[in-house]
PDB file of all heavy atoms in Angstrom:
ATOM      1  N   ASN A   1       8.536  18.857 -19.064  1.00  0.00           N
ATOM      2  CA  ASN A   1       8.538  17.406 -19.092  1.00  0.00           C
ATOM      3  C   ASN A   1       7.222  16.869 -18.538  1.00  0.00           C
ATOM      4  O   ASN A   1       6.852  17.168 -17.399  1.00  0.00           O
ATOM      5  CB  ASN A   1       9.679  16.852 -18.223  1.00  0.00           C
ATOM      6  CG  ASN A   1      11.010  17.002 -18.916  1.00  0.00           C
ATOM      7  OD1 ASN A   1      11.041  17.234 -20.113  1.00  0.00           O
ATOM      8  ND2 ASN A   1      12.091  16.892 -18.171  1.00  0.00           N
ATOM      9  N   LEU A   2       6.531  16.088 -19.364  1.00  0.00           N
ATOM     10  CA  LEU A   2       5.309  15.459 -18.870  1.00  0.00           C
ATOM     11  C   LEU A   2       5.703  14.249 -18.022  1.00  0.00           C
ATOM     12  O   LEU A   2       6.682  13.576 -18.324  1.00  0.00           O
ATOM     13  CB  LEU A   2       4.453  14.995 -20.058  1.00  0.00           C
ATOM     14  CG  LEU A   2       3.807  16.114 -20.873  1.00  0.00           C
ATOM     15  CD1 LEU A   2       3.195  15.562 -22.134  1.00  0.00           C
ATOM     16  CD2 LEU A   2       2.739  16.819 -20.047  1.00  0.00           C
ATOM     17  N   PRO A   3       4.953  13.954 -16.968  1.00  0.00           N
ATOM     18  CA  PRO A   3       5.281  12.769 -16.178  1.00  0.00           C
ATOM     19  C   PRO A   3       5.081  11.509 -17.014  1.00  0.00           C
ATOM     20  O   PRO A   3       4.187  11.451 -17.863  1.00  0.00           O
ATOM     21  CB  PRO A   3       4.276  12.823 -15.020  1.00  0.00           C
ATOM     22  CG  PRO A   3       3.184  13.717 -15.469  1.00  0.00           C
ATOM     23  CD  PRO A   3       3.782  14.675 -16.453  1.00  0.00           C
ATOM     24  N   GLU A   4       5.939  10.518 -16.779  1.00  0.00           N
ATOM     25  CA  GLU A   4       5.810   9.263 -17.532  1.00  0.00           C
ATOM     26  C   GLU A   4       4.544   8.536 -17.093  1.00  0.00           C
ATOM     27  O   GLU A   4       4.217   8.517 -15.908  1.00  0.00           O
ATOM     28  CB  GLU A   4       7.017   8.364 -17.242  1.00  0.00           C
ATOM     29  CG  GLU A   4       8.346   8.924 -17.684  1.00  0.00           C
ATOM     30  CD  GLU A   4       9.488   8.034 -17.230  1.00  0.00           C
ATOM     31  OE1 GLU A   4       9.953   8.194 -16.103  1.00  0.00           O
ATOM     32  OE2 GLU A   4       9.894   7.184 -18.031  1.00  0.00           O
ATOM     33  N   PRO A   5       3.824   7.943 -18.052  1.00  0.00           N
ATOM     34  CA  PRO A   5       2.648   7.158 -17.649  1.00  0.00           C
ATOM     35  C   PRO A   5       3.091   5.970 -16.784  1.00  0.00           C
ATOM     36  O   PRO A   5       4.137   5.374 -17.036  1.00  0.00           O
ATOM     37  CB  PRO A   5       2.046   6.696 -18.977  1.00  0.00           C
ATOM     38  CG  PRO A   5       3.118   6.863 -19.996  1.00  0.00           C
ATOM     39  CD  PRO A   5       4.034   7.931 -19.508  1.00  0.00           C
ATOM     40  N   LEU A   6       2.296   5.655 -15.793  1.00  0.00           N
ATOM     41  CA  LEU A   6       2.665   4.584 -14.865  1.00  0.00           C
ATOM     42  C   LEU A   6       2.061   3.264 -15.315  1.00  0.00           C
ATOM     43  O   LEU A   6       0.879   3.185 -15.642  1.00  0.00           O
ATOM     44  CB  LEU A   6       2.171   4.924 -13.460  1.00  0.00           C
ATOM     45  CG  LEU A   6       2.768   6.200 -12.839  1.00  0.00           C
ATOM     46  CD1 LEU A   6       2.139   6.474 -11.487  1.00  0.00           C
ATOM     47  CD2 LEU A   6       4.279   6.088 -12.736  1.00  0.00           C
ATOM     48  N   LEU A   7       2.873   2.227 -15.319  1.00  0.00           N
ATOM     49  CA  LEU A   7       2.402   0.899 -15.680  1.00  0.00           C
ATOM     50  C   LEU A   7       1.787   0.193 -14.468  1.00  0.00           C
ATOM     51  O   LEU A   7       0.793  -0.514 -14.565  1.00  0.00           O
ATOM     52  CB  LEU A   7       3.559   0.072 -16.238  1.00  0.00           C
ATOM     53  CG  LEU A   7       3.187  -1.301 -16.731  1.00  0.00           C
ATOM     54  CD1 LEU A   7       2.310  -1.196 -17.973  1.00  0.00           C
ATOM     55  CD2 LEU A   7       4.421  -2.114 -17.054  1.00  0.00           C
ATOM     56  N   VAL A   8       2.406   0.402 -13.311  1.00  0.00           N
ATOM     57  CA  VAL A   8       1.921  -0.182 -12.059  1.00  0.00           C
ATOM     58  C   VAL A   8       1.915   0.930 -11.018  1.00  0.00           C
ATOM     59  O   VAL A   8       2.878   1.703 -10.947  1.00  0.00           O
ATOM     60  CB  VAL A   8       2.845  -1.322 -11.569  1.00  0.00           C
ATOM     61  CG1 VAL A   8       2.249  -2.005 -10.335  1.00  0.00           C
ATOM     62  CG2 VAL A   8       3.101  -2.347 -12.658  1.00  0.00           C
ATOM     63  N   SER A   9       0.861   1.020 -10.241  1.00  0.00           N
ATOM     64  CA  SER A   9       0.846   2.049  -9.196  1.00  0.00           C
ATOM     65  C   SER A   9       0.050   1.577  -7.983  1.00  0.00           C
ATOM     66  O   SER A   9      -0.874   0.767  -8.094  1.00  0.00           O
ATOM     67  CB  SER A   9       0.259   3.359  -9.720  1.00  0.00           C
ATOM     68  OG  SER A   9      -1.083   3.176 -10.109  1.00  0.00           O
ATOM     69  N   ALA A  10       0.473   2.081  -6.828  1.00  0.00           N
ATOM     70  CA  ALA A  10      -0.240   1.828  -5.574  1.00  0.00           C
ATOM     71  C   ALA A  10      -0.557   3.174  -4.962  1.00  0.00           C
ATOM     72  O   ALA A  10       0.285   4.079  -4.989  1.00  0.00           O
ATOM     73  CB  ALA A  10       0.640   1.015  -4.629  1.00  0.00           C
ATOM     74  N   ALA A  11      -1.761   3.327  -4.431  1.00  0.00           N
ATOM     75  CA  ALA A  11      -2.159   4.590  -3.796  1.00  0.00           C
ATOM     76  C   ALA A  11      -2.658   4.308  -2.386  1.00  0.00           C
ATOM     77  O   ALA A  11      -3.647   3.594  -2.196  1.00  0.00           O
ATOM     78  CB  ALA A  11      -3.246   5.277  -4.617  1.00  0.00           C
ATOM     79  N   ASP A  12      -1.933   4.838  -1.409  1.00  0.00           N
ATOM     80  CA  ASP A  12      -2.308   4.749  -0.002  1.00  0.00           C
ATOM     81  C   ASP A  12      -2.625   3.308   0.423  1.00  0.00           C
ATOM     82  O   ASP A  12      -3.645   3.037   1.064  1.00  0.00           O
ATOM     83  CB  ASP A  12      -3.507   5.665   0.281  1.00  0.00           C
ATOM     84  CG  ASP A  12      -3.547   6.091   1.736  1.00  0.00           C
ATOM     85  OD1 ASP A  12      -2.505   5.994   2.413  1.00  0.00           O
ATOM     86  OD2 ASP A  12      -4.626   6.497   2.210  1.00  0.00           O
ATOM     87  N   VAL A  13      -1.721   2.400   0.054  1.00  0.00           N
ATOM     88  CA  VAL A  13      -1.947   0.977   0.321  1.00  0.00           C
ATOM     89  C   VAL A  13      -1.557   0.628   1.763  1.00  0.00           C
ATOM     90  O   VAL A  13      -0.442   0.908   2.207  1.00  0.00           O
ATOM     91  CB  VAL A  13      -1.173   0.096  -0.675  1.00  0.00           C
ATOM     92  CG1 VAL A  13      -1.083  -1.349  -0.178  1.00  0.00           C
ATOM     93  CG2 VAL A  13      -1.860   0.132  -2.033  1.00  0.00           C
ATOM     94  N   VAL A  14      -2.515   0.039   2.459  1.00  0.00           N
ATOM     95  CA  VAL A  14      -2.295  -0.460   3.816  1.00  0.00           C
ATOM     96  C   VAL A  14      -2.521  -1.969   3.783  1.00  0.00           C
ATOM     97  O   VAL A  14      -3.451  -2.448   3.140  1.00  0.00           O
ATOM     98  CB  VAL A  14      -3.287   0.195   4.811  1.00  0.00           C
ATOM     99  CG1 VAL A  14      -3.212  -0.469   6.185  1.00  0.00           C
ATOM    100  CG2 VAL A  14      -3.028   1.693   4.905  1.00  0.00           C
ATOM    101  N   ARG A  15      -1.632  -2.717   4.458  1.00  0.00           N
ATOM    102  CA  ARG A  15      -1.866  -4.157   4.601  1.00  0.00           C
ATOM    103  C   ARG A  15      -1.649  -4.529   6.060  1.00  0.00           C
ATOM    104  O   ARG A  15      -0.552  -4.346   6.608  1.00  0.00           O
ATOM    105  CB  ARG A  15      -0.902  -4.960   3.711  1.00  0.00           C
ATOM    106  CG  ARG A  15      -1.147  -6.490   3.793  1.00  0.00           C
ATOM    107  CD  ARG A  15      -2.521  -6.844   3.244  1.00  0.00           C
ATOM    108  NE  ARG A  15      -2.727  -8.269   3.047  1.00  0.00           N
ATOM    109  CZ  ARG A  15      -3.415  -9.037   3.904  1.00  0.00           C
ATOM    110  NH1 ARG A  15      -3.917  -8.525   5.018  1.00  0.00           N
ATOM    111  NH2 ARG A  15      -3.595 -10.318   3.638  1.00  0.00           N
ATOM    112  N   VAL A  16      -2.728  -4.992   6.674  1.00  0.00           N
ATOM    113  CA  VAL A  16      -2.670  -5.406   8.074  1.00  0.00           C
ATOM    114  C   VAL A  16      -2.885  -6.913   8.127  1.00  0.00           C
ATOM    115  O   VAL A  16      -3.817  -7.441   7.523  1.00  0.00           O
ATOM    116  CB  VAL A  16      -3.761  -4.686   8.906  1.00  0.00           C
ATOM    117  CG1 VAL A  16      -3.708  -5.137  10.361  1.00  0.00           C
ATOM    118  CG2 VAL A  16      -3.592  -3.173   8.811  1.00  0.00           C
ATOM    119  N   TYR A  17      -2.001  -7.607   8.850  1.00  0.00           N
ATOM    120  CA  TYR A  17      -2.183  -9.043   9.097  1.00  0.00           C
ATOM    121  C   TYR A  17      -2.605  -9.230  10.544  1.00  0.00           C
ATOM    122  O   TYR A  17      -2.072  -8.589  11.443  1.00  0.00           O
ATOM    123  CB  TYR A  17      -0.871  -9.800   8.853  1.00  0.00           C
ATOM    124  CG  TYR A  17      -0.420  -9.796   7.414  1.00  0.00           C
ATOM    125  CD1 TYR A  17       0.630  -8.990   6.994  1.00  0.00           C
ATOM    126  CD2 TYR A  17      -1.059 -10.593   6.463  1.00  0.00           C
ATOM    127  CE1 TYR A  17       1.045  -8.975   5.664  1.00  0.00           C
ATOM    128  CE2 TYR A  17      -0.659 -10.588   5.131  1.00  0.00           C
ATOM    129  CZ  TYR A  17       0.403  -9.786   4.743  1.00  0.00           C
ATOM    130  OH  TYR A  17       0.793  -9.775   3.427  1.00  0.00           O
ATOM    131  N   GLY A  18      -3.564 -10.125  10.756  1.00  0.00           N
ATOM    132  CA  GLY A  18      -4.014 -10.391  12.122  1.00  0.00           C
ATOM    133  C   GLY A  18      -5.005  -9.343  12.597  1.00  0.00           C
ATOM    134  O   GLY A  18      -5.335  -8.404  11.876  1.00  0.00           O
ATOM    135  N   GLU A  19      -5.474  -9.532  13.826  1.00  0.00           N
ATOM    136  CA  GLU A  19      -6.493  -8.625  14.368  1.00  0.00           C
ATOM    137  C   GLU A  19      -6.143  -8.193  15.779  1.00  0.00           C
ATOM    138  O   GLU A  19      -5.361  -8.839  16.473  1.00  0.00           O
ATOM    139  CB  GLU A  19      -7.858  -9.340  14.377  1.00  0.00           C
ATOM    140  CG  GLU A  19      -8.417  -9.560  12.987  1.00  0.00           C
ATOM    141  CD  GLU A  19      -9.755 -10.297  13.012  1.00  0.00           C
ATOM    142  OE1 GLU A  19     -10.302 -10.477  14.114  1.00  0.00           O
ATOM    143  OE2 GLU A  19     -10.228 -10.673  11.927  1.00  0.00           O
ATOM    144  N   GLY A  20      -6.738  -7.090  16.168  1.00  0.00           N
ATOM    145  CA  GLY A  20      -6.584  -6.619  17.545  1.00  0.00           C
ATOM    146  C   GLY A  20      -5.142  -6.294  17.893  1.00  0.00           C
ATOM    147  O   GLY A  20      -4.388  -5.779  17.079  1.00  0.00           O
ATOM    148  N   GLN A  21      -4.750  -6.652  19.113  1.00  0.00           N
ATOM    149  CA  GLN A  21      -3.413  -6.313  19.590  1.00  0.00           C
ATOM    150  C   GLN A  21      -2.330  -7.114  18.871  1.00  0.00           C
ATOM    151  O   GLN A  21      -1.165  -6.706  18.851  1.00  0.00           O
ATOM    152  CB  GLN A  21      -3.327  -6.552  21.097  1.00  0.00           C
ATOM    153  CG  GLN A  21      -4.162  -5.542  21.895  1.00  0.00           C
ATOM    154  CD  GLN A  21      -3.952  -5.708  23.379  1.00  0.00           C
ATOM    155  OE1 GLN A  21      -3.831  -6.820  23.872  1.00  0.00           O
ATOM    156  NE2 GLN A  21      -3.908  -4.590  24.110  1.00  0.00           N
ATOM    157  N   ALA A  22      -2.722  -8.254  18.305  1.00  0.00           N
ATOM    158  CA  ALA A  22      -1.738  -9.090  17.610  1.00  0.00           C
ATOM    159  C   ALA A  22      -1.547  -8.645  16.154  1.00  0.00           C
ATOM    160  O   ALA A  22      -0.762  -9.234  15.421  1.00  0.00           O
ATOM    161  CB  ALA A  22      -2.184 -10.541  17.649  1.00  0.00           C
ATOM    162  N   SER A  23      -2.256  -7.607  15.732  1.00  0.00           N
ATOM    163  CA  SER A  23      -2.190  -7.219  14.311  1.00  0.00           C
ATOM    164  C   SER A  23      -0.847  -6.573  13.976  1.00  0.00           C
ATOM    165  O   SER A  23      -0.214  -5.936  14.816  1.00  0.00           O
ATOM    166  CB  SER A  23      -3.340  -6.280  13.954  1.00  0.00           C
ATOM    167  OG  SER A  23      -3.161  -5.037  14.597  1.00  0.00           O
ATOM    168  N   VAL A  24      -0.437  -6.773  12.733  1.00  0.00           N
ATOM    169  CA  VAL A  24       0.821  -6.209  12.233  1.00  0.00           C
ATOM    170  C   VAL A  24       0.518  -5.398  10.980  1.00  0.00           C
ATOM    171  O   VAL A  24      -0.118  -5.896  10.047  1.00  0.00           O
ATOM    172  CB  VAL A  24       1.823  -7.341  11.877  1.00  0.00           C
ATOM    173  CG1 VAL A  24       3.077  -6.760  11.244  1.00  0.00           C
ATOM    174  CG2 VAL A  24       2.164  -8.160  13.110  1.00  0.00           C
ATOM    175  N   ARG A  25       0.963  -4.130  10.965  1.00  0.00           N
ATOM    176  CA  ARG A  25       0.816  -3.295   9.766  1.00  0.00           C
ATOM    177  C   ARG A  25       2.029  -3.505   8.881  1.00  0.00           C
ATOM    178  O   ARG A  25       3.070  -2.881   9.070  1.00  0.00           O
ATOM    179  CB  ARG A  25       0.739  -1.818  10.151  1.00  0.00           C
ATOM    180  CG  ARG A  25      -0.660  -1.317  10.395  1.00  0.00           C
ATOM    181  CD  ARG A  25      -0.605   0.136  10.841  1.00  0.00           C
ATOM    182  NE  ARG A  25      -1.096   1.046   9.818  1.00  0.00           N
ATOM    183  CZ  ARG A  25      -2.370   1.289   9.575  1.00  0.00           C
ATOM    184  NH1 ARG A  25      -3.307   0.654  10.261  1.00  0.00           N
ATOM    185  NH2 ARG A  25      -2.734   2.142   8.648  1.00  0.00           N
ATOM    186  N   ALA A  26       1.899  -4.427   7.916  1.00  0.00           N
ATOM    187  CA  ALA A  26       3.042  -4.722   7.038  1.00  0.00           C
ATOM    188  C   ALA A  26       3.296  -3.574   6.077  1.00  0.00           C
ATOM    189  O   ALA A  26       4.442  -3.287   5.715  1.00  0.00           O
ATOM    190  CB  ALA A  26       2.770  -6.013   6.272  1.00  0.00           C
TER     191      ALA A  26
END
């Protein structure tokens, strides 16, 4: 079975809001 082609993909996505000690890794 070949893997299905991906329509949408994310690779190693990091999203941080804010800076320093107040930052949040969403």
